[in-house]
Amino acid sequence: MRRDRPERWVRDPALHAVEMGEEFVMMGVDQGEYYAVKGVAASLWRHLAEPRGLGELCALVAAEYDVTAELCHDDVVAFLEQLRSKRMVRAA
């Protein structure tokens, strides 16, 4: 894991999120932006309700979808970095 990447991740508590069916709709009050995620991204968002490590997140995705934890690793990292760049998650 890179030095600047947290060991554990969690949702930013300042972000408002609502689960609507199979997707999450989030609003960043500070940024004034809305976001929506579904599918694997919604699953990851659900798991980020409590602090989780990268390996744990990959294992959870692998258990839900027909993929190995190793195969989903890069996609999970990319998603977490995208969320972090928008201040939607933080280090736990």
PDB file of N, CA and C in Angstrom:
ATOM      1  N   MET A   1       0.840  -1.177   0.000  1.00  0.00           N
ATOM      2  CA  MET A   1       0.000   0.000   0.000  1.00  0.00           C
ATOM      3  C   MET A   1       0.885   1.239   0.000  1.00  0.00           C
ATOM      4  N   ARG A   2       0.469   2.242  -0.721  1.00  0.00           N
ATOM      5  CA  ARG A   2       1.252   3.475  -0.780  1.00  0.00           C
ATOM      6  C   ARG A   2       1.260   4.158   0.572  1.00  0.00           C
ATOM      7  N   ARG A   3       2.329   4.910   0.811  1.00  0.00           N
ATOM      8  CA  ARG A   3       2.473   5.611   2.093  1.00  0.00           C
ATOM      9  C   ARG A   3       1.353   6.618   2.341  1.00  0.00           C
ATOM     10  N   ASP A   4       0.881   7.294   1.290  1.00  0.00           N
ATOM     11  CA  ASP A   4      -0.130   8.327   1.485  1.00  0.00           C
ATOM     12  C   ASP A   4      -1.549   7.772   1.468  1.00  0.00           C
ATOM     13  N   ARG A   5      -1.700   6.454   1.384  1.00  0.00           N
ATOM     14  CA  ARG A   5      -3.025   5.843   1.373  1.00  0.00           C
ATOM     15  C   ARG A   5      -3.331   5.318   2.773  1.00  0.00           C
ATOM     16  N   PRO A   6      -4.492   5.641   3.307  1.00  0.00           N
ATOM     17  CA  PRO A   6      -4.839   5.172   4.655  1.00  0.00           C
ATOM     18  C   PRO A   6      -4.889   3.649   4.741  1.00  0.00           C
ATOM     19  N   GLU A   7      -4.644   3.138   5.925  1.00  0.00           N
ATOM     20  CA  GLU A   7      -4.764   1.700   6.173  1.00  0.00           C
ATOM     21  C   GLU A   7      -6.230   1.296   6.250  1.00  0.00           C
ATOM     22  N   ARG A   8      -7.047   2.200   6.810  1.00  0.00           N
ATOM     23  CA  ARG A   8      -8.484   1.934   6.953  1.00  0.00           C
ATOM     24  C   ARG A   8      -9.244   3.151   6.460  1.00  0.00           C
ATOM     25  N   TRP A   9     -10.400   2.880   5.878  1.00  0.00           N
ATOM     26  CA  TRP A   9     -11.233   3.931   5.291  1.00  0.00           C
ATOM     27  C   TRP A   9     -12.605   3.926   5.961  1.00  0.00           C
ATOM     28  N   VAL A  10     -13.261   5.080   5.947  1.00  0.00           N
ATOM     29  CA  VAL A  10     -14.625   5.194   6.454  1.00  0.00           C
ATOM     30  C   VAL A  10     -15.285   6.377   5.747  1.00  0.00           C
ATOM     31  N   ARG A  11     -16.610   6.347   5.676  1.00  0.00           N
ATOM     32  CA  ARG A  11     -17.333   7.475   5.079  1.00  0.00           C
ATOM     33  C   ARG A  11     -17.054   8.753   5.864  1.00  0.00           C
ATOM     34  N   ASP A  12     -17.056   9.868   5.183  1.00  0.00           N
ATOM     35  CA  ASP A  12     -16.950  11.155   5.870  1.00  0.00           C
ATOM     36  C   ASP A  12     -18.307  11.433   6.511  1.00  0.00           C
ATOM     37  N   PRO A  13     -18.355  11.629   7.828  1.00  0.00           N
ATOM     38  CA  PRO A  13     -19.644  11.830   8.499  1.00  0.00           C
ATOM     39  C   PRO A  13     -20.352  13.123   8.088  1.00  0.00           C
ATOM     40  N   ALA A  14     -19.655  14.049   7.467  1.00  0.00           N
ATOM     41  CA  ALA A  14     -20.287  15.293   7.023  1.00  0.00           C
ATOM     42  C   ALA A  14     -21.096  15.096   5.743  1.00  0.00           C
ATOM     43  N   LEU A  15     -20.925  13.957   5.096  1.00  0.00           N
ATOM     44  CA  LEU A  15     -21.624  13.666   3.849  1.00  0.00           C
ATOM     45  C   LEU A  15     -22.975  13.037   4.166  1.00  0.00           C
ATOM     46  N   HIS A  16     -24.012  13.524   3.543  1.00  0.00           N
ATOM     47  CA  HIS A  16     -25.354  12.970   3.735  1.00  0.00           C
ATOM     48  C   HIS A  16     -25.611  11.937   2.645  1.00  0.00           C
ATOM     49  N   ALA A  17     -26.028  10.732   3.039  1.00  0.00           N
ATOM     50  CA  ALA A  17     -26.274   9.658   2.074  1.00  0.00           C
ATOM     51  C   ALA A  17     -27.586   8.961   2.400  1.00  0.00           C
ATOM     52  N   VAL A  18     -28.316   8.609   1.341  1.00  0.00           N
ATOM     53  CA  VAL A  18     -29.586   7.912   1.481  1.00  0.00           C
ATOM     54  C   VAL A  18     -29.575   6.721   0.528  1.00  0.00           C
ATOM     55  N   GLU A  19     -29.964   5.561   1.040  1.00  0.00           N
ATOM     56  CA  GLU A  19     -30.066   4.386   0.183  1.00  0.00           C
ATOM     57  C   GLU A  19     -31.439   4.397  -0.466  1.00  0.00           C
ATOM     58  N   MET A  20     -31.449   4.316  -1.783  1.00  0.00           N
ATOM     59  CA  MET A  20     -32.699   4.332  -2.547  1.00  0.00           C
ATOM     60  C   MET A  20     -32.712   3.103  -3.450  1.00  0.00           C
ATOM     61  N   GLY A  21     -33.375   2.054  -2.979  1.00  0.00           N
ATOM     62  CA  GLY A  21     -33.380   0.815  -3.748  1.00  0.00           C
ATOM     63  C   GLY A  21     -31.997   0.205  -3.767  1.00  0.00           C
ATOM     64  N   GLU A  22     -31.439   0.069  -4.965  1.00  0.00           N
ATOM     65  CA  GLU A  22     -30.120  -0.545  -5.112  1.00  0.00           C
ATOM     66  C   GLU A  22     -29.010   0.477  -5.285  1.00  0.00           C
ATOM     67  N   GLU A  23     -29.287   1.743  -5.008  1.00  0.00           N
ATOM     68  CA  GLU A  23     -28.248   2.756  -5.150  1.00  0.00           C
ATOM     69  C   GLU A  23     -28.226   3.679  -3.938  1.00  0.00           C
ATOM     70  N   PHE A  24     -27.145   4.404  -3.811  1.00  0.00           N
ATOM     71  CA  PHE A  24     -27.009   5.430  -2.787  1.00  0.00           C
ATOM     72  C   PHE A  24     -26.938   6.775  -3.482  1.00  0.00           C
ATOM     73  N   VAL A  25     -27.625   7.746  -2.901  1.00  0.00           N
ATOM     74  CA  VAL A  25     -27.522   9.129  -3.359  1.00  0.00           C
ATOM     75  C   VAL A  25     -26.891   9.900  -2.213  1.00  0.00           C
ATOM     76  N   MET A  26     -25.817  10.627  -2.528  1.00  0.00           N
ATOM     77  CA  MET A  26     -25.073  11.351  -1.505  1.00  0.00           C
ATOM     78  C   MET A  26     -25.014  12.825  -1.848  1.00  0.00           C
ATOM     79  N   MET A  27     -24.974  13.637  -0.801  1.00  0.00           N
ATOM     80  CA  MET A  27     -24.838  15.071  -1.008  1.00  0.00           C
ATOM     81  C   MET A  27     -23.707  15.584  -0.132  1.00  0.00           C
ATOM     82  N   GLY A  28     -22.778  16.256  -0.772  1.00  0.00           N
ATOM     83  CA  GLY A  28     -21.700  16.913  -0.051  1.00  0.00           C
ATOM     84  C   GLY A  28     -22.097  18.353   0.211  1.00  0.00           C
ATOM     85  N   VAL A  29     -22.497  18.657   1.427  1.00  0.00           N
ATOM     86  CA  VAL A  29     -22.973  19.999   1.762  1.00  0.00           C
ATOM     87  C   VAL A  29     -21.881  21.030   1.521  1.00  0.00           C
ATOM     88  N   ASP A  30     -20.664  20.733   1.960  1.00  0.00           N
ATOM     89  CA  ASP A  30     -19.560  21.676   1.780  1.00  0.00           C
ATOM     90  C   ASP A  30     -19.271  21.939   0.311  1.00  0.00           C
ATOM     91  N   GLN A  31     -19.357  20.885  -0.509  1.00  0.00           N
ATOM     92  CA  GLN A  31     -19.059  21.019  -1.925  1.00  0.00           C
ATOM     93  C   GLN A  31     -20.278  21.445  -2.738  1.00  0.00           C
ATOM     94  N   GLY A  32     -21.473  21.247  -2.192  1.00  0.00           N
ATOM     95  CA  GLY A  32     -22.696  21.560  -2.919  1.00  0.00           C
ATOM     96  C   GLY A  32     -22.904  20.647  -4.116  1.00  0.00           C
ATOM     97  N   GLU A  33     -22.467  19.397  -4.012  1.00  0.00           N
ATOM     98  CA  GLU A  33     -22.564  18.451  -5.116  1.00  0.00           C
ATOM     99  C   GLU A  33     -23.330  17.203  -4.690  1.00  0.00           C
ATOM    100  N   TYR A  34     -24.000  16.596  -5.673  1.00  0.00           N
ATOM    101  CA  TYR A  34     -24.717  15.347  -5.466  1.00  0.00           C
ATOM    102  C   TYR A  34     -23.989  14.231  -6.200  1.00  0.00           C
ATOM    103  N   TYR A  35     -24.062  13.035  -5.640  1.00  0.00           N
ATOM    104  CA  TYR A  35     -23.450  11.864  -6.252  1.00  0.00           C
ATOM    105  C   TYR A  35     -24.415  10.698  -6.110  1.00  0.00           C
ATOM    106  N   ALA A  36     -24.340   9.766  -7.044  1.00  0.00           N
ATOM    107  CA  ALA A  36     -25.125   8.536  -6.955  1.00  0.00           C
ATOM    108  C   ALA A  36     -24.227   7.373  -7.344  1.00  0.00           C
ATOM    109  N   VAL A  37     -24.344   6.283  -6.611  1.00  0.00           N
ATOM    110  CA  VAL A  37     -23.587   5.072  -6.920  1.00  0.00           C
ATOM    111  C   VAL A  37     -24.535   3.885  -6.869  1.00  0.00           C
ATOM    112  N   LYS A  38     -24.245   2.891  -7.696  1.00  0.00           N
ATOM    113  CA  LYS A  38     -25.042   1.667  -7.694  1.00  0.00           C
ATOM    114  C   LYS A  38     -24.126   0.488  -7.969  1.00  0.00           C
ATOM    115  N   GLY A  39     -24.666  -0.697  -7.877  1.00  0.00           N
ATOM    116  CA  GLY A  39     -23.876  -1.898  -8.139  1.00  0.00           C
ATOM    117  C   GLY A  39     -22.765  -2.091  -7.120  1.00  0.00           C
ATOM    118  N   VAL A  40     -21.585  -2.428  -7.623  1.00  0.00           N
ATOM    119  CA  VAL A  40     -20.438  -2.686  -6.749  1.00  0.00           C
ATOM    120  C   VAL A  40     -20.088  -1.443  -5.944  1.00  0.00           C
ATOM    121  N   ALA A  41     -20.197  -0.262  -6.564  1.00  0.00           N
ATOM    122  CA  ALA A  41     -19.887   0.986  -5.854  1.00  0.00           C
ATOM    123  C   ALA A  41     -20.832   1.183  -4.669  1.00  0.00           C
ATOM    124  N   ALA A  42     -22.112   0.871  -4.849  1.00  0.00           N
ATOM    125  CA  ALA A  42     -23.069   0.987  -3.743  1.00  0.00           C
ATOM    126  C   ALA A  42     -22.739  -0.018  -2.644  1.00  0.00           C
ATOM    127  N   SER A  43     -22.323  -1.204  -3.038  1.00  0.00           N
ATOM    128  CA  SER A  43     -21.926  -2.209  -2.054  1.00  0.00           C
ATOM    129  C   SER A  43     -20.734  -1.722  -1.241  1.00  0.00           C
ATOM    130  N   LEU A  44     -19.734  -1.168  -1.926  1.00  0.00           N
ATOM    131  CA  LEU A  44     -18.574  -0.626  -1.212  1.00  0.00           C
ATOM    132  C   LEU A  44     -18.991   0.501  -0.284  1.00  0.00           C
ATOM    133  N   TRP A  45     -19.860   1.373  -0.750  1.00  0.00           N
ATOM    134  CA  TRP A  45     -20.315   2.492   0.076  1.00  0.00           C
ATOM    135  C   TRP A  45     -21.005   1.972   1.336  1.00  0.00           C
ATOM    136  N   ARG A  46     -21.826   0.947   1.179  1.00  0.00           N
ATOM    137  CA  ARG A  46     -22.518   0.345   2.325  1.00  0.00           C
ATOM    138  C   ARG A  46     -21.491  -0.179   3.335  1.00  0.00           C
ATOM    139  N   HIS A  47     -20.455  -0.839   2.850  1.00  0.00           N
ATOM    140  CA  HIS A  47     -19.430  -1.401   3.737  1.00  0.00           C
ATOM    141  C   HIS A  47     -18.586  -0.321   4.415  1.00  0.00           C
ATOM    142  N   LEU A  48     -18.522   0.852   3.820  1.00  0.00           N
ATOM    143  CA  LEU A  48     -17.727   1.943   4.398  1.00  0.00           C
ATOM    144  C   LEU A  48     -18.450   2.672   5.532  1.00  0.00           C
ATOM    145  N   ALA A  49     -19.591   2.161   5.958  1.00  0.00           N
ATOM    146  CA  ALA A  49     -20.299   2.750   7.099  1.00  0.00           C
ATOM    147  C   ALA A  49     -19.469   2.609   8.372  1.00  0.00           C
ATOM    148  N   GLU A  50     -18.587   1.617   8.386  1.00  0.00           N
ATOM    149  CA  GLU A  50     -17.662   1.454   9.506  1.00  0.00           C
ATOM    150  C   GLU A  50     -16.254   1.331   8.938  1.00  0.00           C
ATOM    151  N   PRO A  51     -15.243   1.631   9.728  1.00  0.00           N
ATOM    152  CA  PRO A  51     -13.867   1.591   9.217  1.00  0.00           C
ATOM    153  C   PRO A  51     -13.492   0.207   8.681  1.00  0.00           C
ATOM    154  N   ARG A  52     -12.920   0.205   7.485  1.00  0.00           N
ATOM    155  CA  ARG A  52     -12.524  -1.051   6.842  1.00  0.00           C
ATOM    156  C   ARG A  52     -11.187  -0.869   6.134  1.00  0.00           C
ATOM    157  N   GLY A  53     -10.396  -1.923   6.128  1.00  0.00           N
ATOM    158  CA  GLY A  53      -9.143  -1.923   5.384  1.00  0.00           C
ATOM    159  C   GLY A  53      -9.376  -2.338   3.941  1.00  0.00           C
ATOM    160  N   LEU A  54      -8.404  -2.076   3.102  1.00  0.00           N
ATOM    161  CA  LEU A  54      -8.504  -2.404   1.686  1.00  0.00           C
ATOM    162  C   LEU A  54      -8.716  -3.901   1.468  1.00  0.00           C
ATOM    163  N   GLY A  55      -7.950  -4.718   2.161  1.00  0.00           N
ATOM    164  CA  GLY A  55      -8.101  -6.165   2.022  1.00  0.00           C
ATOM    165  C   GLY A  55      -9.488  -6.642   2.413  1.00  0.00           C
ATOM    166  N   GLU A  56     -10.017  -6.069   3.473  1.00  0.00           N
ATOM    167  CA  GLU A  56     -11.356  -6.435   3.934  1.00  0.00           C
ATOM    168  C   GLU A  56     -12.404  -6.029   2.909  1.00  0.00           C
ATOM    169  N   LEU A  57     -12.277  -4.828   2.347  1.00  0.00           N
ATOM    170  CA  LEU A  57     -13.226  -4.371   1.326  1.00  0.00           C
ATOM    171  C   LEU A  57     -13.185  -5.282   0.099  1.00  0.00           C
ATOM    172  N   CYS A  58     -11.989  -5.654  -0.331  1.00  0.00           N
ATOM    173  CA  CYS A  58     -11.856  -6.549  -1.485  1.00  0.00           C
ATOM    174  C   CYS A  58     -12.483  -7.912  -1.191  1.00  0.00           C
ATOM    175  N   ALA A  59     -12.281  -8.424   0.006  1.00  0.00           N
ATOM    176  CA  ALA A  59     -12.862  -9.713   0.387  1.00  0.00           C
ATOM    177  C   ALA A  59     -14.385  -9.639   0.415  1.00  0.00           C
ATOM    178  N   LEU A  60     -14.938  -8.538   0.901  1.00  0.00           N
ATOM    179  CA  LEU A  60     -16.391  -8.368   0.929  1.00  0.00           C
ATOM    180  C   LEU A  60     -16.969  -8.321  -0.481  1.00  0.00           C
ATOM    181  N   VAL A  61     -16.304  -7.602  -1.378  1.00  0.00           N
ATOM    182  CA  VAL A  61     -16.759  -7.545  -2.774  1.00  0.00           C
ATOM    183  C   VAL A  61     -16.673  -8.934  -3.407  1.00  0.00           C
ATOM    184  N   ALA A  62     -15.578  -9.630  -3.164  1.00  0.00           N
ATOM    185  CA  ALA A  62     -15.400 -10.969  -3.727  1.00  0.00           C
ATOM    186  C   ALA A  62     -16.485 -11.927  -3.241  1.00  0.00           C
ATOM    187  N   ALA A  63     -16.910 -11.775  -1.991  1.00  0.00           N
ATOM    188  CA  ALA A  63     -17.954 -12.634  -1.444  1.00  0.00           C
ATOM    189  C   ALA A  63     -19.317 -12.341  -2.069  1.00  0.00           C
ATOM    190  N   GLU A  64     -19.537 -11.106  -2.503  1.00  0.00           N
ATOM    191  CA  GLU A  64     -20.829 -10.719  -3.078  1.00  0.00           C
ATOM    192  C   GLU A  64     -20.906 -10.928  -4.587  1.00  0.00           C
ATOM    193  N   TYR A  65     -19.774 -10.829  -5.252  1.00  0.00           N
ATOM    194  CA  TYR A  65     -19.735 -10.885  -6.713  1.00  0.00           C
ATOM    195  C   TYR A  65     -18.805 -12.010  -7.152  1.00  0.00           C
ATOM    196  N   ASP A  66     -18.946 -12.443  -8.365  1.00  0.00           N
ATOM    197  CA  ASP A  66     -18.145 -13.545  -8.893  1.00  0.00           C
ATOM    198  C   ASP A  66     -16.780 -13.039  -9.346  1.00  0.00           C
ATOM    199  N   VAL A  67     -15.935 -12.708  -8.383  1.00  0.00           N
ATOM    200  CA  VAL A  67     -14.604 -12.172  -8.658  1.00  0.00           C
ATOM    201  C   VAL A  67     -13.704 -12.502  -7.469  1.00  0.00           C
ATOM    202  N   THR A  68     -12.423 -12.610  -7.720  1.00  0.00           N
ATOM    203  CA  THR A  68     -11.496 -12.833  -6.608  1.00  0.00           C
ATOM    204  C   THR A  68     -11.104 -11.487  -6.007  1.00  0.00           C
ATOM    205  N   ALA A  69     -10.693 -11.519  -4.764  1.00  0.00           N
ATOM    206  CA  ALA A  69     -10.255 -10.288  -4.091  1.00  0.00           C
ATOM    207  C   ALA A  69      -9.077  -9.667  -4.829  1.00  0.00           C
ATOM    208  N   GLU A  70      -8.211 -10.504  -5.379  1.00  0.00           N
ATOM    209  CA  GLU A  70      -7.043  -9.993  -6.108  1.00  0.00           C
ATOM    210  C   GLU A  70      -7.459  -9.250  -7.372  1.00  0.00           C
ATOM    211  N   LEU A  71      -8.457  -9.786  -8.079  1.00  0.00           N
ATOM    212  CA  LEU A  71      -8.902  -9.153  -9.324  1.00  0.00           C
ATOM    213  C   LEU A  71      -9.596  -7.817  -9.090  1.00  0.00           C
ATOM    214  N   CYS A  72     -10.287  -7.680  -7.981  1.00  0.00           N
ATOM    215  CA  CYS A  72     -11.016  -6.432  -7.748  1.00  0.00           C
ATOM    216  C   CYS A  72     -10.150  -5.370  -7.069  1.00  0.00           C
ATOM    217  N   HIS A  73      -8.957  -5.732  -6.625  1.00  0.00           N
ATOM    218  CA  HIS A  73      -8.096  -4.822  -5.864  1.00  0.00           C
ATOM    219  C   HIS A  73      -7.912  -3.463  -6.537  1.00  0.00           C
ATOM    220  N   ASP A  74      -7.479  -3.444  -7.799  1.00  0.00           N
ATOM    221  CA  ASP A  74      -7.194  -2.174  -8.474  1.00  0.00           C
ATOM    222  C   ASP A  74      -8.441  -1.309  -8.613  1.00  0.00           C
ATOM    223  N   ASP A  75      -9.595  -1.954  -8.886  1.00  0.00           N
ATOM    224  CA  ASP A  75     -10.841  -1.195  -9.019  1.00  0.00           C
ATOM    225  C   ASP A  75     -11.274  -0.600  -7.683  1.00  0.00           C
ATOM    226  N   VAL A  76     -11.108  -1.361  -6.614  1.00  0.00           N
ATOM    227  CA  VAL A  76     -11.462  -0.854  -5.282  1.00  0.00           C
ATOM    228  C   VAL A  76     -10.549   0.312  -4.910  1.00  0.00           C
ATOM    229  N   VAL A  77      -9.262   0.183  -5.175  1.00  0.00           N
ATOM    230  CA  VAL A  77      -8.323   1.276  -4.897  1.00  0.00           C
ATOM    231  C   VAL A  77      -8.718   2.518  -5.682  1.00  0.00           C
ATOM    232  N   ALA A  78      -9.024   2.355  -6.968  1.00  0.00           N
ATOM    233  CA  ALA A  78      -9.404   3.501  -7.803  1.00  0.00           C
ATOM    234  C   ALA A  78     -10.666   4.169  -7.274  1.00  0.00           C
ATOM    235  N   PHE A  79     -11.650   3.366  -6.850  1.00  0.00           N
ATOM    236  CA  PHE A  79     -12.889   3.926  -6.316  1.00  0.00           C
ATOM    237  C   PHE A  79     -12.626   4.685  -5.017  1.00  0.00           C
ATOM    238  N   LEU A  80     -11.833   4.111  -4.124  1.00  0.00           N
ATOM    239  CA  LEU A  80     -11.513   4.784  -2.862  1.00  0.00           C
ATOM    240  C   LEU A  80     -10.772   6.097  -3.110  1.00  0.00           C
ATOM    241  N   GLU A  81      -9.850   6.091  -4.050  1.00  0.00           N
ATOM    242  CA  GLU A  81      -9.110   7.320  -4.362  1.00  0.00           C
ATOM    243  C   GLU A  81     -10.042   8.383  -4.946  1.00  0.00           C
ATOM    244  N   GLN A  82     -10.992   7.943  -5.766  1.00  0.00           N
ATOM    245  CA  GLN A  82     -11.970   8.882  -6.320  1.00  0.00           C
ATOM    246  C   GLN A  82     -12.828   9.478  -5.202  1.00  0.00           C
ATOM    247  N   LEU A  83     -13.288   8.635  -4.287  1.00  0.00           N
ATOM    248  CA  LEU A  83     -14.074   9.124  -3.151  1.00  0.00           C
ATOM    249  C   LEU A  83     -13.252  10.077  -2.295  1.00  0.00           C
ATOM    250  N   ARG A  84     -11.992   9.730  -2.073  1.00  0.00           N
ATOM    251  CA  ARG A  84     -11.140  10.589  -1.247  1.00  0.00           C
ATOM    252  C   ARG A  84     -10.912  11.938  -1.917  1.00  0.00           C
ATOM    253  N   SER A  85     -10.743  11.957  -3.232  1.00  0.00           N
ATOM    254  CA  SER A  85     -10.513  13.225  -3.935  1.00  0.00           C
ATOM    255  C   SER A  85     -11.725  14.145  -3.843  1.00  0.00           C
ATOM    256  N   LYS A  86     -12.903  13.556  -3.637  1.00  0.00           N
ATOM    257  CA  LYS A  86     -14.130  14.345  -3.489  1.00  0.00           C
ATOM    258  C   LYS A  86     -14.496  14.546  -2.013  1.00  0.00           C
ATOM    259  N   ARG A  87     -13.595  14.127  -1.118  1.00  0.00           N
ATOM    260  CA  ARG A  87     -13.775  14.245   0.335  1.00  0.00           C
ATOM    261  C   ARG A  87     -15.026  13.508   0.829  1.00  0.00           C
ATOM    262  N   MET A  88     -15.271  12.341   0.234  1.00  0.00           N
ATOM    263  CA  MET A  88     -16.416  11.531   0.623  1.00  0.00           C
ATOM    264  C   MET A  88     -16.034  10.441   1.620  1.00  0.00           C
ATOM    265  N   VAL A  89     -14.751  10.092   1.658  1.00  0.00           N
ATOM    266  CA  VAL A  89     -14.228   9.149   2.644  1.00  0.00           C
ATOM    267  C   VAL A  89     -12.987   9.760   3.268  1.00  0.00           C
ATOM    268  N   ARG A  90     -12.604   9.181   4.392  1.00  0.00           N
ATOM    269  CA  ARG A  90     -11.410   9.681   5.080  1.00  0.00           C
ATOM    270  C   ARG A  90     -10.709   8.506   5.741  1.00  0.00           C
ATOM    271  N   ALA A  91      -9.515   8.771   6.203  1.00  0.00           N
ATOM    272  CA  ALA A  91      -8.782   7.754   6.953  1.00  0.00           C
ATOM    273  C   ALA A  91      -9.504   7.493   8.262  1.00  0.00           C
ATOM    274  N   ALA A  92      -9.544   6.225   8.649  1.00  0.00           N
ATOM    275  CA  ALA A  92     -10.230   5.866   9.897  1.00  0.00           C
ATOM    276  C   ALA A  92      -9.218   5.693  11.011  1.00  0.00           C
TER     277      ALA A  92
END
